[in-house]
Amino acid sequence: MRSRYSAYALQLADYLLATWHPSTRPATLAFDEQPPLRWLGLDVKRHVADGDRAVVEFVARYRQGGGSAGRLRETSRFLREDGRWYYVDGDVSN
């Protein structure tokens, strides 16, 4: 989870796509927000692993342009295949 947050902050689309499960992976990933997001921090609230499945609840803070800060709260689902963890999907809440 932390590596994916860092990849978003650094706009590393190739890494994000490589760590996204093929069943839900988009064909491309663009960082075209205008003005661009600047990620400010990550707070992992909860992590529950159950065999080859895991759920991670987190809050990521960001600022867009010179505007006020915002928060992204998500509960993400991950799946381990061949020893590697993949992001499957997530539910965003306020």
PDB file of N, CA and C in Angstrom:
ATOM      1  N   MET A   1       0.821  -1.181   0.000  1.00  0.00           N
ATOM      2  CA  MET A   1       0.000   0.000   0.000  1.00  0.00           C
ATOM      3  C   MET A   1       0.868   1.249   0.000  1.00  0.00           C
ATOM      4  N   ARG A   2       1.869   1.268   0.863  1.00  0.00           N
ATOM      5  CA  ARG A   2       2.725   2.453   0.926  1.00  0.00           C
ATOM      6  C   ARG A   2       3.486   2.663  -0.377  1.00  0.00           C
ATOM      7  N   SER A   3       3.885   1.587  -1.018  1.00  0.00           N
ATOM      8  CA  SER A   3       4.607   1.744  -2.283  1.00  0.00           C
ATOM      9  C   SER A   3       3.689   2.306  -3.364  1.00  0.00           C
ATOM     10  N   ARG A   4       2.424   1.930  -3.351  1.00  0.00           N
ATOM     11  CA  ARG A   4       1.485   2.476  -4.340  1.00  0.00           C
ATOM     12  C   ARG A   4       1.222   3.956  -4.058  1.00  0.00           C
ATOM     13  N   TYR A   5       1.124   4.335  -2.791  1.00  0.00           N
ATOM     14  CA  TYR A   5       0.972   5.750  -2.459  1.00  0.00           C
ATOM     15  C   TYR A   5       2.169   6.547  -2.994  1.00  0.00           C
ATOM     16  N   SER A   6       3.374   6.036  -2.745  1.00  0.00           N
ATOM     17  CA  SER A   6       4.588   6.706  -3.233  1.00  0.00           C
ATOM     18  C   SER A   6       4.586   6.796  -4.754  1.00  0.00           C
ATOM     19  N   ALA A   7       4.119   5.741  -5.416  1.00  0.00           N
ATOM     20  CA  ALA A   7       4.061   5.756  -6.879  1.00  0.00           C
ATOM     21  C   ALA A   7       3.078   6.805  -7.381  1.00  0.00           C
ATOM     22  N   TYR A   8       1.954   6.984  -6.678  1.00  0.00           N
ATOM     23  CA  TYR A   8       1.031   8.059  -7.058  1.00  0.00           C
ATOM     24  C   TYR A   8       1.697   9.414  -6.865  1.00  0.00           C
ATOM     25  N   ALA A   9       2.379   9.587  -5.747  1.00  0.00           N
ATOM     26  CA  ALA A   9       3.032  10.872  -5.466  1.00  0.00           C
ATOM     27  C   ALA A   9       4.091  11.188  -6.516  1.00  0.00           C
ATOM     28  N   LEU A  10       4.787  10.158  -7.019  1.00  0.00           N
ATOM     29  CA  LEU A  10       5.842  10.347  -8.012  1.00  0.00           C
ATOM     30  C   LEU A  10       5.343  10.165  -9.450  1.00  0.00           C
ATOM     31  N   GLN A  11       4.054   9.888  -9.592  1.00  0.00           N
ATOM     32  CA  GLN A  11       3.408   9.691 -10.896  1.00  0.00           C
ATOM     33  C   GLN A  11       4.078   8.570 -11.696  1.00  0.00           C
ATOM     34  N   LEU A  12       4.278   7.438 -11.042  1.00  0.00           N
ATOM     35  CA  LEU A  12       4.900   6.271 -11.668  1.00  0.00           C
ATOM     36  C   LEU A  12       3.815   5.318 -12.182  1.00  0.00           C
ATOM     37  N   ALA A  13       3.238   5.665 -13.319  1.00  0.00           N
ATOM     38  CA  ALA A  13       2.123   4.901 -13.872  1.00  0.00           C
ATOM     39  C   ALA A  13       2.504   3.445 -14.144  1.00  0.00           C
ATOM     40  N   ASP A  14       3.703   3.190 -14.647  1.00  0.00           N
ATOM     41  CA  ASP A  14       4.111   1.813 -14.950  1.00  0.00           C
ATOM     42  C   ASP A  14       4.096   0.935 -13.699  1.00  0.00           C
ATOM     43  N   TYR A  15       4.578   1.471 -12.575  1.00  0.00           N
ATOM     44  CA  TYR A  15       4.579   0.703 -11.330  1.00  0.00           C
ATOM     45  C   TYR A  15       3.148   0.448 -10.860  1.00  0.00           C
ATOM     46  N   LEU A  16       2.316   1.475 -10.916  1.00  0.00           N
ATOM     47  CA  LEU A  16       0.933   1.317 -10.471  1.00  0.00           C
ATOM     48  C   LEU A  16       0.215   0.258 -11.295  1.00  0.00           C
ATOM     49  N   LEU A  17       0.387   0.292 -12.604  1.00  0.00           N
ATOM     50  CA  LEU A  17      -0.253  -0.710 -13.454  1.00  0.00           C
ATOM     51  C   LEU A  17       0.297  -2.110 -13.194  1.00  0.00           C
ATOM     52  N   ALA A  18       1.589  -2.218 -12.927  1.00  0.00           N
ATOM     53  CA  ALA A  18       2.203  -3.527 -12.658  1.00  0.00           C
ATOM     54  C   ALA A  18       1.734  -4.123 -11.341  1.00  0.00           C
ATOM     55  N   THR A  19       1.313  -3.300 -10.397  1.00  0.00           N
ATOM     56  CA  THR A  19       0.854  -3.786  -9.087  1.00  0.00           C
ATOM     57  C   THR A  19      -0.667  -3.823  -8.987  1.00  0.00           C
ATOM     58  N   TRP A  20      -1.345  -3.622 -10.102  1.00  0.00           N
ATOM     59  CA  TRP A  20      -2.808  -3.658 -10.180  1.00  0.00           C
ATOM     60  C   TRP A  20      -3.202  -5.027 -10.692  1.00  0.00           C
ATOM     61  N   HIS A  21      -4.162  -5.684 -10.075  1.00  0.00           N
ATOM     62  CA  HIS A  21      -4.570  -7.019 -10.502  1.00  0.00           C
ATOM     63  C   HIS A  21      -5.109  -6.973 -11.932  1.00  0.00           C
ATOM     64  N   PRO A  22      -4.699  -7.927 -12.781  1.00  0.00           N
ATOM     65  CA  PRO A  22      -5.132  -7.910 -14.184  1.00  0.00           C
ATOM     66  C   PRO A  22      -6.647  -7.889 -14.372  1.00  0.00           C
ATOM     67  N   SER A  23      -7.397  -8.439 -13.423  1.00  0.00           N
ATOM     68  CA  SER A  23      -8.856  -8.500 -13.581  1.00  0.00           C
ATOM     69  C   SER A  23      -9.528  -7.129 -13.459  1.00  0.00           C
ATOM     70  N   THR A  24      -8.840  -6.164 -12.866  1.00  0.00           N
ATOM     71  CA  THR A  24      -9.436  -4.830 -12.678  1.00  0.00           C
ATOM     72  C   THR A  24      -8.530  -3.704 -13.184  1.00  0.00           C
ATOM     73  N   ARG A  25      -7.384  -4.036 -13.718  1.00  0.00           N
ATOM     74  CA  ARG A  25      -6.396  -3.048 -14.154  1.00  0.00           C
ATOM     75  C   ARG A  25      -6.901  -2.261 -15.367  1.00  0.00           C
ATOM     76  N   PRO A  26      -6.808  -0.932 -15.309  1.00  0.00           N
ATOM     77  CA  PRO A  26      -7.163  -0.141 -16.493  1.00  0.00           C
ATOM     78  C   PRO A  26      -6.086  -0.296 -17.571  1.00  0.00           C
ATOM     79  N   ALA A  27      -6.433   0.027 -18.801  1.00  0.00           N
ATOM     80  CA  ALA A  27      -5.476  -0.086 -19.902  1.00  0.00           C
ATOM     81  C   ALA A  27      -4.368   0.950 -19.772  1.00  0.00           C
ATOM     82  N   THR A  28      -4.711   2.125 -19.305  1.00  0.00           N
ATOM     83  CA  THR A  28      -3.735   3.203 -19.136  1.00  0.00           C
ATOM     84  C   THR A  28      -4.046   3.946 -17.848  1.00  0.00           C
ATOM     85  N   LEU A  29      -3.118   4.743 -17.433  1.00  0.00           N
ATOM     86  CA  LEU A  29      -3.288   5.556 -16.235  1.00  0.00           C
ATOM     87  C   LEU A  29      -2.646   6.912 -16.514  1.00  0.00           C
ATOM     88  N   ALA A  30      -3.451   7.963 -16.439  1.00  0.00           N
ATOM     89  CA  ALA A  30      -2.946   9.307 -16.740  1.00  0.00           C
ATOM     90  C   ALA A  30      -3.013  10.173 -15.489  1.00  0.00           C
ATOM     91  N   PHE A  31      -2.059  11.037 -15.370  1.00  0.00           N
ATOM     92  CA  PHE A  31      -2.029  12.010 -14.284  1.00  0.00           C
ATOM     93  C   PHE A  31      -2.315  13.376 -14.905  1.00  0.00           C
ATOM     94  N   ASP A  32      -3.587  13.622 -15.170  1.00  0.00           N
ATOM     95  CA  ASP A  32      -3.927  14.832 -15.909  1.00  0.00           C
ATOM     96  C   ASP A  32      -4.775  15.831 -15.113  1.00  0.00           C
ATOM     97  N   GLU A  33      -4.763  15.718 -13.779  1.00  0.00           N
ATOM     98  CA  GLU A  33      -5.497  16.684 -12.973  1.00  0.00           C
ATOM     99  C   GLU A  33      -4.876  18.063 -13.168  1.00  0.00           C
ATOM    100  N   GLN A  34      -5.716  19.059 -13.338  1.00  0.00           N
ATOM    101  CA  GLN A  34      -5.227  20.430 -13.500  1.00  0.00           C
ATOM    102  C   GLN A  34      -5.923  21.333 -12.499  1.00  0.00           C
ATOM    103  N   PRO A  35      -5.237  21.989 -11.641  1.00  0.00           N
ATOM    104  CA  PRO A  35      -3.804  21.850 -11.421  1.00  0.00           C
ATOM    105  C   PRO A  35      -3.494  20.486 -10.798  1.00  0.00           C
ATOM    106  N   PRO A  36      -2.244  20.034 -10.909  1.00  0.00           N
ATOM    107  CA  PRO A  36      -1.889  18.691 -10.434  1.00  0.00           C
ATOM    108  C   PRO A  36      -2.018  18.556  -8.911  1.00  0.00           C
ATOM    109  N   LEU A  37      -2.254  17.331  -8.484  1.00  0.00           N
ATOM    110  CA  LEU A  37      -2.317  17.031  -7.049  1.00  0.00           C
ATOM    111  C   LEU A  37      -0.907  16.929  -6.490  1.00  0.00           C
ATOM    112  N   ARG A  38      -0.744  17.423  -5.272  1.00  0.00           N
ATOM    113  CA  ARG A  38       0.506  17.209  -4.536  1.00  0.00           C
ATOM    114  C   ARG A  38       0.128  16.400  -3.298  1.00  0.00           C
ATOM    115  N   TRP A  39       0.665  15.186  -3.201  1.00  0.00           N
ATOM    116  CA  TRP A  39       0.326  14.302  -2.087  1.00  0.00           C
ATOM    117  C   TRP A  39       1.125  14.711  -0.860  1.00  0.00           C
ATOM    118  N   LEU A  40       0.437  14.809   0.289  1.00  0.00           N
ATOM    119  CA  LEU A  40       1.033  15.341   1.515  1.00  0.00           C
ATOM    120  C   LEU A  40       1.297  14.300   2.581  1.00  0.00           C
ATOM    121  N   GLY A  41       0.637  13.154   2.522  1.00  0.00           N
ATOM    122  CA  GLY A  41       0.855  12.155   3.559  1.00  0.00           C
ATOM    123  C   GLY A  41      -0.140  11.022   3.496  1.00  0.00           C
ATOM    124  N   LEU A  42       0.237   9.915   4.110  1.00  0.00           N
ATOM    125  CA  LEU A  42      -0.576   8.704   4.138  1.00  0.00           C
ATOM    126  C   LEU A  42      -0.699   8.226   5.573  1.00  0.00           C
ATOM    127  N   ASP A  43      -1.927   7.889   5.959  1.00  0.00           N
ATOM    128  CA  ASP A  43      -2.180   7.332   7.286  1.00  0.00           C
ATOM    129  C   ASP A  43      -2.955   6.030   7.102  1.00  0.00           C
ATOM    130  N   VAL A  44      -2.291   4.897   7.343  1.00  0.00           N
ATOM    131  CA  VAL A  44      -2.958   3.597   7.252  1.00  0.00           C
ATOM    132  C   VAL A  44      -3.734   3.391   8.544  1.00  0.00           C
ATOM    133  N   LYS A  45      -5.043   3.300   8.419  1.00  0.00           N
ATOM    134  CA  LYS A  45      -5.927   3.181   9.584  1.00  0.00           C
ATOM    135  C   LYS A  45      -6.122   1.732  10.030  1.00  0.00           C
ATOM    136  N   ARG A  46      -6.152   0.831   9.051  1.00  0.00           N
ATOM    137  CA  ARG A  46      -6.448  -0.568   9.371  1.00  0.00           C
ATOM    138  C   ARG A  46      -5.887  -1.456   8.286  1.00  0.00           C
ATOM    139  N   HIS A  47      -5.366  -2.615   8.693  1.00  0.00           N
ATOM    140  CA  HIS A  47      -4.865  -3.616   7.761  1.00  0.00           C
ATOM    141  C   HIS A  47      -5.296  -4.971   8.286  1.00  0.00           C
ATOM    142  N   VAL A  48      -6.024  -5.716   7.465  1.00  0.00           N
ATOM    143  CA  VAL A  48      -6.480  -7.041   7.855  1.00  0.00           C
ATOM    144  C   VAL A  48      -6.088  -8.015   6.751  1.00  0.00           C
ATOM    145  N   ALA A  49      -5.237  -8.974   7.087  1.00  0.00           N
ATOM    146  CA  ALA A  49      -4.827 -10.001   6.128  1.00  0.00           C
ATOM    147  C   ALA A  49      -5.528 -11.304   6.476  1.00  0.00           C
ATOM    148  N   ASP A  50      -5.980 -12.004   5.444  1.00  0.00           N
ATOM    149  CA  ASP A  50      -6.636 -13.299   5.615  1.00  0.00           C
ATOM    150  C   ASP A  50      -6.129 -14.203   4.492  1.00  0.00           C
ATOM    151  N   GLY A  51      -5.023 -14.895   4.764  1.00  0.00           N
ATOM    152  CA  GLY A  51      -4.425 -15.748   3.736  1.00  0.00           C
ATOM    153  C   GLY A  51      -3.876 -14.916   2.592  1.00  0.00           C
ATOM    154  N   ASP A  52      -4.410 -15.150   1.401  1.00  0.00           N
ATOM    155  CA  ASP A  52      -3.951 -14.439   0.207  1.00  0.00           C
ATOM    156  C   ASP A  52      -4.806 -13.219  -0.124  1.00  0.00           C
ATOM    157  N   ARG A  53      -5.589 -12.775   0.826  1.00  0.00           N
ATOM    158  CA  ARG A  53      -6.413 -11.576   0.639  1.00  0.00           C
ATOM    159  C   ARG A  53      -6.115 -10.601   1.774  1.00  0.00           C
ATOM    160  N   ALA A  54      -6.240  -9.328   1.475  1.00  0.00           N
ATOM    161  CA  ALA A  54      -6.027  -8.317   2.507  1.00  0.00           C
ATOM    162  C   ALA A  54      -6.898  -7.103   2.213  1.00  0.00           C
ATOM    163  N   VAL A  55      -7.238  -6.398   3.289  1.00  0.00           N
ATOM    164  CA  VAL A  55      -7.983  -5.143   3.209  1.00  0.00           C
ATOM    165  C   VAL A  55      -7.159  -4.093   3.925  1.00  0.00           C
ATOM    166  N   VAL A  56      -7.019  -2.935   3.291  1.00  0.00           N
ATOM    167  CA  VAL A  56      -6.286  -1.824   3.888  1.00  0.00           C
ATOM    168  C   VAL A  56      -7.177  -0.595   3.832  1.00  0.00           C
ATOM    169  N   GLU A  57      -7.402   0.008   4.993  1.00  0.00           N
ATOM    170  CA  GLU A  57      -8.146   1.265   5.062  1.00  0.00           C
ATOM    171  C   GLU A  57      -7.141   2.375   5.316  1.00  0.00           C
ATOM    172  N   PHE A  58      -7.201   3.444   4.509  1.00  0.00           N
ATOM    173  CA  PHE A  58      -6.226   4.514   4.643  1.00  0.00           C
ATOM    174  C   PHE A  58      -6.853   5.877   4.362  1.00  0.00           C
ATOM    175  N   VAL A  59      -6.143   6.897   4.794  1.00  0.00           N
ATOM    176  CA  VAL A  59      -6.466   8.281   4.455  1.00  0.00           C
ATOM    177  C   VAL A  59      -5.209   8.887   3.848  1.00  0.00           C
ATOM    178  N   ALA A  60      -5.342   9.424   2.640  1.00  0.00           N
ATOM    179  CA  ALA A  60      -4.236  10.105   1.970  1.00  0.00           C
ATOM    180  C   ALA A  60      -4.598  11.590   1.863  1.00  0.00           C
ATOM    181  N   ARG A  61      -3.664  12.434   2.258  1.00  0.00           N
ATOM    182  CA  ARG A  61      -3.888  13.877   2.209  1.00  0.00           C
ATOM    183  C   ARG A  61      -3.229  14.453   0.964  1.00  0.00           C
ATOM    184  N   TYR A  62      -3.877  15.454   0.374  1.00  0.00           N
ATOM    185  CA  TYR A  62      -3.345  16.075  -0.834  1.00  0.00           C
ATOM    186  C   TYR A  62      -3.717  17.553  -0.886  1.00  0.00           C
ATOM    187  N   ARG A  63      -3.040  18.259  -1.767  1.00  0.00           N
ATOM    188  CA  ARG A  63      -3.369  19.648  -2.068  1.00  0.00           C
ATOM    189  C   ARG A  63      -3.379  19.765  -3.578  1.00  0.00           C
ATOM    190  N   GLN A  64      -4.372  20.458  -4.108  1.00  0.00           N
ATOM    191  CA  GLN A  64      -4.459  20.663  -5.548  1.00  0.00           C
ATOM    192  C   GLN A  64      -4.168  22.120  -5.846  1.00  0.00           C
ATOM    193  N   GLY A  65      -3.063  22.353  -6.555  1.00  0.00           N
ATOM    194  CA  GLY A  65      -2.659  23.722  -6.852  1.00  0.00           C
ATOM    195  C   GLY A  65      -2.399  24.477  -5.562  1.00  0.00           C
ATOM    196  N   GLY A  66      -2.804  25.719  -5.519  1.00  0.00           N
ATOM    197  CA  GLY A  66      -2.641  26.523  -4.312  1.00  0.00           C
ATOM    198  C   GLY A  66      -3.859  26.483  -3.409  1.00  0.00           C
ATOM    199  N   GLY A  67      -4.793  25.594  -3.708  1.00  0.00           N
ATOM    200  CA  GLY A  67      -6.044  25.518  -2.957  1.00  0.00           C
ATOM    201  C   GLY A  67      -5.894  24.835  -1.614  1.00  0.00           C
ATOM    202  N   SER A  68      -7.022  24.590  -1.007  1.00  0.00           N
ATOM    203  CA  SER A  68      -7.023  23.969   0.313  1.00  0.00           C
ATOM    204  C   SER A  68      -6.715  22.476   0.201  1.00  0.00           C
ATOM    205  N   ALA A  69      -6.308  21.907   1.306  1.00  0.00           N
ATOM    206  CA  ALA A  69      -5.966  20.487   1.364  1.00  0.00           C
ATOM    207  C   ALA A  69      -7.231  19.640   1.330  1.00  0.00           C
ATOM    208  N   GLY A  70      -7.099  18.425   0.826  1.00  0.00           N
ATOM    209  CA  GLY A  70      -8.199  17.474   0.790  1.00  0.00           C
ATOM    210  C   GLY A  70      -7.742  16.130   1.330  1.00  0.00           C
ATOM    211  N   ARG A  71      -8.700  15.233   1.473  1.00  0.00           N
ATOM    212  CA  ARG A  71      -8.416  13.890   1.972  1.00  0.00           C
ATOM    213  C   ARG A  71      -9.117  12.868   1.096  1.00  0.00           C
ATOM    214  N   LEU A  72      -8.416  11.789   0.835  1.00  0.00           N
ATOM    215  CA  LEU A  72      -8.984  10.643   0.147  1.00  0.00           C
ATOM    216  C   LEU A  72      -9.010   9.502   1.150  1.00  0.00           C
ATOM    217  N   ARG A  73     -10.201   9.019   1.463  1.00  0.00           N
ATOM    218  CA  ARG A  73     -10.349   7.876   2.376  1.00  0.00           C
ATOM    219  C   ARG A  73     -10.819   6.699   1.535  1.00  0.00           C
ATOM    220  N   GLU A  74     -10.064   5.590   1.629  1.00  0.00           N
ATOM    221  CA  GLU A  74     -10.398   4.423   0.822  1.00  0.00           C
ATOM    222  C   GLU A  74     -10.185   3.151   1.626  1.00  0.00           C
ATOM    223  N   THR A  75     -11.037   2.177   1.368  1.00  0.00           N
ATOM    224  CA  THR A  75     -10.834   0.822   1.847  1.00  0.00           C
ATOM    225  C   THR A  75     -10.491  -0.007   0.617  1.00  0.00           C
ATOM    226  N   SER A  76      -9.238  -0.459   0.545  1.00  0.00           N
ATOM    227  CA  SER A  76      -8.717  -1.153  -0.637  1.00  0.00           C
ATOM    228  C   SER A  76      -8.648  -2.648  -0.392  1.00  0.00           C
ATOM    229  N   ARG A  77      -8.832  -3.399  -1.469  1.00  0.00           N
ATOM    230  CA  ARG A  77      -8.712  -4.849  -1.415  1.00  0.00           C
ATOM    231  C   ARG A  77      -7.504  -5.280  -2.243  1.00  0.00           C
ATOM    232  N   PHE A  78      -6.735  -6.220  -1.679  1.00  0.00           N
ATOM    233  CA  PHE A  78      -5.529  -6.734  -2.314  1.00  0.00           C
ATOM    234  C   PHE A  78      -5.604  -8.249  -2.389  1.00  0.00           C
ATOM    235  N   LEU A  79      -4.911  -8.812  -3.354  1.00  0.00           N
ATOM    236  CA  LEU A  79      -4.860 -10.255  -3.557  1.00  0.00           C
ATOM    237  C   LEU A  79      -3.407 -10.645  -3.816  1.00  0.00           C
ATOM    238  N   ARG A  80      -2.959 -11.723  -3.148  1.00  0.00           N
ATOM    239  CA  ARG A  80      -1.595 -12.209  -3.357  1.00  0.00           C
ATOM    240  C   ARG A  80      -1.626 -13.386  -4.329  1.00  0.00           C
ATOM    241  N   GLU A  81      -0.812 -13.255  -5.382  1.00  0.00           N
ATOM    242  CA  GLU A  81      -0.663 -14.332  -6.361  1.00  0.00           C
ATOM    243  C   GLU A  81       0.818 -14.533  -6.621  1.00  0.00           C
ATOM    244  N   ASP A  82       1.263 -15.776  -6.568  1.00  0.00           N
ATOM    245  CA  ASP A  82       2.672 -16.110  -6.796  1.00  0.00           C
ATOM    246  C   ASP A  82       3.601 -15.263  -5.936  1.00  0.00           C
ATOM    247  N   GLY A  83       3.183 -15.012  -4.695  1.00  0.00           N
ATOM    248  CA  GLY A  83       4.013 -14.282  -3.746  1.00  0.00           C
ATOM    249  C   GLY A  83       3.979 -12.772  -3.873  1.00  0.00           C
ATOM    250  N   ARG A  84       3.249 -12.228  -4.834  1.00  0.00           N
ATOM    251  CA  ARG A  84       3.168 -10.778  -5.018  1.00  0.00           C
ATOM    252  C   ARG A  84       1.769 -10.287  -4.684  1.00  0.00           C
ATOM    253  N   TRP A  85       1.700  -9.123  -4.050  1.00  0.00           N
ATOM    254  CA  TRP A  85       0.424  -8.499  -3.724  1.00  0.00           C
ATOM    255  C   TRP A  85      -0.008  -7.582  -4.858  1.00  0.00           C
ATOM    256  N   TYR A  86      -1.305  -7.644  -5.198  1.00  0.00           N
ATOM    257  CA  TYR A  86      -1.884  -6.811  -6.242  1.00  0.00           C
ATOM    258  C   TYR A  86      -3.091  -6.065  -5.696  1.00  0.00           C
ATOM    259  N   TYR A  87      -3.189  -4.800  -6.061  1.00  0.00           N
ATOM    260  CA  TYR A  87      -4.381  -4.005  -5.759  1.00  0.00           C
ATOM    261  C   TYR A  87      -5.517  -4.505  -6.648  1.00  0.00           C
ATOM    262  N   VAL A  88      -6.672  -4.779  -6.048  1.00  0.00           N
ATOM    263  CA  VAL A  88      -7.834  -5.250  -6.813  1.00  0.00           C
ATOM    264  C   VAL A  88      -8.808  -4.104  -7.049  1.00  0.00           C
ATOM    265  N   ASP A  89      -9.307  -3.518  -5.968  1.00  0.00           N
ATOM    266  CA  ASP A  89     -10.219  -2.391  -6.071  1.00  0.00           C
ATOM    267  C   ASP A  89     -10.390  -1.762  -4.712  1.00  0.00           C
ATOM    268  N   GLY A  90     -11.215  -0.728  -4.633  1.00  0.00           N
ATOM    269  CA  GLY A  90     -11.413  -0.062  -3.361  1.00  0.00           C
ATOM    270  C   GLY A  90     -12.707   0.728  -3.329  1.00  0.00           C
ATOM    271  N   ASP A  91     -13.146   1.002  -2.122  1.00  0.00           N
ATOM    272  CA  ASP A  91     -14.335   1.822  -1.897  1.00  0.00           C
ATOM    273  C   ASP A  91     -13.888   3.145  -1.294  1.00  0.00           C
ATOM    274  N   VAL A  92     -14.211   4.242  -1.983  1.00  0.00           N
ATOM    275  CA  VAL A  92     -13.857   5.580  -1.509  1.00  0.00           C
ATOM    276  C   VAL A  92     -15.017   6.113  -0.688  1.00  0.00           C
ATOM    277  N   SER A  93     -14.706   6.703   0.468  1.00  0.00           N
ATOM    278  CA  SER A  93     -15.738   7.306   1.318  1.00  0.00           C
ATOM    279  C   SER A  93     -15.256   8.651   1.800  1.00  0.00           C
ATOM    280  N   ASN A  94     -16.163   9.420   2.346  1.00  0.00           N
ATOM    281  CA  ASN A  94     -15.802  10.755   2.866  1.00  0.00           C
ATOM    282  C   ASN A  94     -15.547  10.707   4.339  1.00  0.00           C
TER     283      ASN A  94
END
